[in-house]
Amino acid sequence: MATEDYEILDPRFARLFNSNAQVDKLFTGCRWAE
């Protein structure tokens, strides 16, 4: 996923963001899933 795919809602989180990390989208269509 590209960095454009992320929306940082809390600016304090921006410094924790790792642009080299990989995120896999496992499933879509859930209202809530863990």
PDB file of N, CA and C in Angstrom:
ATOM      1  N   MET A   1       0.840  -1.176   0.000  1.00  0.00           N
ATOM      2  CA  MET A   1       0.000   0.000   0.000  1.00  0.00           C
ATOM      3  C   MET A   1       0.889   1.245   0.000  1.00  0.00           C
ATOM      4  N   ALA A   2       0.526   2.211  -0.764  1.00  0.00           N
ATOM      5  CA  ALA A   2       1.293   3.448  -0.840  1.00  0.00           C
ATOM      6  C   ALA A   2       0.927   4.362   0.318  1.00  0.00           C
ATOM      7  N   THR A   3       1.786   5.328   0.587  1.00  0.00           N
ATOM      8  CA  THR A   3       1.517   6.252   1.692  1.00  0.00           C
ATOM      9  C   THR A   3       0.245   7.052   1.452  1.00  0.00           C
ATOM     10  N   GLU A   4      -0.194   7.170   0.209  1.00  0.00           N
ATOM     11  CA  GLU A   4      -1.443   7.886  -0.072  1.00  0.00           C
ATOM     12  C   GLU A   4      -2.655   7.104   0.429  1.00  0.00           C
ATOM     13  N   ASP A   5      -2.477   5.813   0.716  1.00  0.00           N
ATOM     14  CA  ASP A   5      -3.575   4.978   1.187  1.00  0.00           C
ATOM     15  C   ASP A   5      -3.856   5.163   2.671  1.00  0.00           C
ATOM     16  N   TYR A   6      -3.024   5.925   3.350  1.00  0.00           N
ATOM     17  CA  TYR A   6      -3.177   6.118   4.788  1.00  0.00           C
ATOM     18  C   TYR A   6      -3.681   7.514   5.083  1.00  0.00           C
ATOM     19  N   GLU A   7      -4.549   7.610   6.063  1.00  0.00           N
ATOM     20  CA  GLU A   7      -5.010   8.902   6.544  1.00  0.00           C
ATOM     21  C   GLU A   7      -4.655   8.981   8.021  1.00  0.00           C
ATOM     22  N   ILE A   8      -3.793   9.911   8.383  1.00  0.00           N
ATOM     23  CA  ILE A   8      -3.385  10.079   9.776  1.00  0.00           C
ATOM     24  C   ILE A   8      -4.330  11.083  10.417  1.00  0.00           C
ATOM     25  N   LEU A   9      -5.147  10.604  11.353  1.00  0.00           N
ATOM     26  CA  LEU A   9      -6.143  11.448  12.003  1.00  0.00           C
ATOM     27  C   LEU A   9      -5.560  12.210  13.189  1.00  0.00           C
ATOM     28  N   ASP A  10      -4.591  11.623  13.856  1.00  0.00           N
ATOM     29  CA  ASP A  10      -3.954  12.256  15.009  1.00  0.00           C
ATOM     30  C   ASP A  10      -2.520  12.595  14.620  1.00  0.00           C
ATOM     31  N   PRO A  11      -2.156  13.875  14.563  1.00  0.00           N
ATOM     32  CA  PRO A  11      -0.822  14.259  14.115  1.00  0.00           C
ATOM     33  C   PRO A  11       0.303  13.673  14.975  1.00  0.00           C
ATOM     34  N   ARG A  12       0.005  13.277  16.203  1.00  0.00           N
ATOM     35  CA  ARG A  12       1.026  12.660  17.060  1.00  0.00           C
ATOM     36  C   ARG A  12       1.452  11.304  16.507  1.00  0.00           C
ATOM     37  N   PHE A  13       0.617  10.688  15.694  1.00  0.00           N
ATOM     38  CA  PHE A  13       0.915   9.390  15.104  1.00  0.00           C
ATOM     39  C   PHE A  13       1.900   9.491  13.939  1.00  0.00           C
ATOM     40  N   ALA A  14       1.997  10.640  13.321  1.00  0.00           N
ATOM     41  CA  ALA A  14       2.820  10.815  12.119  1.00  0.00           C
ATOM     42  C   ALA A  14       4.270  10.424  12.362  1.00  0.00           C
ATOM     43  N   ARG A  15       4.821  10.710  13.520  1.00  0.00           N
ATOM     44  CA  ARG A  15       6.223  10.378  13.790  1.00  0.00           C
ATOM     45  C   ARG A  15       6.426   8.875  13.977  1.00  0.00           C
ATOM     46  N   LEU A  16       5.349   8.126  14.221  1.00  0.00           N
ATOM     47  CA  LEU A  16       5.447   6.684  14.407  1.00  0.00           C
ATOM     48  C   LEU A  16       5.263   5.910  13.106  1.00  0.00           C
ATOM     49  N   PHE A  17       4.875   6.602  12.078  1.00  0.00           N
ATOM     50  CA  PHE A  17       4.582   5.966  10.795  1.00  0.00           C
ATOM     51  C   PHE A  17       5.867   5.481  10.139  1.00  0.00           C
ATOM     52  N   ASN A  18       5.883   4.227   9.735  1.00  0.00           N
ATOM     53  CA  ASN A  18       7.036   3.633   9.064  1.00  0.00           C
ATOM     54  C   ASN A  18       6.672   3.425   7.597  1.00  0.00           C
ATOM     55  N   SER A  19       7.215   4.246   6.736  1.00  0.00           N
ATOM     56  CA  SER A  19       6.853   4.154   5.318  1.00  0.00           C
ATOM     57  C   SER A  19       7.441   2.916   4.640  1.00  0.00           C
ATOM     58  N   ASN A  20       8.364   2.214   5.297  1.00  0.00           N
ATOM     59  CA  ASN A  20       8.945   0.996   4.730  1.00  0.00           C
ATOM     60  C   ASN A  20       8.182  -0.259   5.133  1.00  0.00           C
ATOM     61  N   ALA A  21       7.241  -0.128   6.047  1.00  0.00           N
ATOM     62  CA  ALA A  21       6.477  -1.284   6.513  1.00  0.00           C
ATOM     63  C   ALA A  21       5.474  -1.710   5.444  1.00  0.00           C
ATOM     64  N   GLN A  22       5.149  -2.983   5.451  1.00  0.00           N
ATOM     65  CA  GLN A  22       4.185  -3.511   4.489  1.00  0.00           C
ATOM     66  C   GLN A  22       2.902  -3.882   5.220  1.00  0.00           C
ATOM     67  N   VAL A  23       1.782  -3.477   4.666  1.00  0.00           N
ATOM     68  CA  VAL A  23       0.473  -3.807   5.219  1.00  0.00           C
ATOM     69  C   VAL A  23      -0.272  -4.622   4.172  1.00  0.00           C
ATOM     70  N   ASP A  24      -0.830  -5.734   4.589  1.00  0.00           N
ATOM     71  CA  ASP A  24      -1.613  -6.571   3.686  1.00  0.00           C
ATOM     72  C   ASP A  24      -3.092  -6.408   3.999  1.00  0.00           C
ATOM     73  N   LYS A  25      -3.888  -6.148   2.991  1.00  0.00           N
ATOM     74  CA  LYS A  25      -5.331  -6.061   3.165  1.00  0.00           C
ATOM     75  C   LYS A  25      -5.872  -7.481   3.070  1.00  0.00           C
ATOM     76  N   LEU A  26      -6.383  -8.004   4.183  1.00  0.00           N
ATOM     77  CA  LEU A  26      -6.830  -9.389   4.233  1.00  0.00           C
ATOM     78  C   LEU A  26      -8.283  -9.556   3.822  1.00  0.00           C
ATOM     79  N   PHE A  27      -9.124  -8.582   4.152  1.00  0.00           N
ATOM     80  CA  PHE A  27     -10.548  -8.702   3.880  1.00  0.00           C
ATOM     81  C   PHE A  27     -11.172  -7.317   3.880  1.00  0.00           C
ATOM     82  N   THR A  28     -12.184  -7.113   3.073  1.00  0.00           N
ATOM     83  CA  THR A  28     -12.941  -5.866   3.086  1.00  0.00           C
ATOM     84  C   THR A  28     -14.417  -6.205   3.215  1.00  0.00           C
ATOM     85  N   GLY A  29     -15.199  -5.237   3.656  1.00  0.00           N
ATOM     86  CA  GLY A  29     -16.633  -5.429   3.755  1.00  0.00           C
ATOM     87  C   GLY A  29     -17.139  -5.651   5.165  1.00  0.00           C
ATOM     88  N   CYS A  30     -16.262  -5.635   6.151  1.00  0.00           N
ATOM     89  CA  CYS A  30     -16.686  -5.811   7.546  1.00  0.00           C
ATOM     90  C   CYS A  30     -16.942  -4.451   8.183  1.00  0.00           C
ATOM     91  N   ARG A  31     -17.885  -4.403   9.076  1.00  0.00           N
ATOM     92  CA  ARG A  31     -18.063  -3.190   9.855  1.00  0.00           C
ATOM     93  C   ARG A  31     -17.032  -3.141  10.970  1.00  0.00           C
ATOM     94  N   TRP A  32     -16.685  -4.305  11.524  1.00  0.00           N
ATOM     95  CA  TRP A  32     -15.665  -4.387  12.562  1.00  0.00           C
ATOM     96  C   TRP A  32     -15.060  -5.779  12.518  1.00  0.00           C
ATOM     97  N   ALA A  33     -13.770  -5.874  12.515  1.00  0.00           N
ATOM     98  CA  ALA A  33     -13.103  -7.178  12.515  1.00  0.00           C
ATOM     99  C   ALA A  33     -11.740  -7.046  13.181  1.00  0.00           C
ATOM    100  N   GLU A  34     -11.358  -8.060  13.903  1.00  0.00           N
ATOM    101  CA  GLU A  34     -10.034  -8.079  14.524  1.00  0.00           C
ATOM    102  C   GLU A  34      -9.297  -9.304  14.076  1.00  0.00           C
TER     103      GLU A  34
END
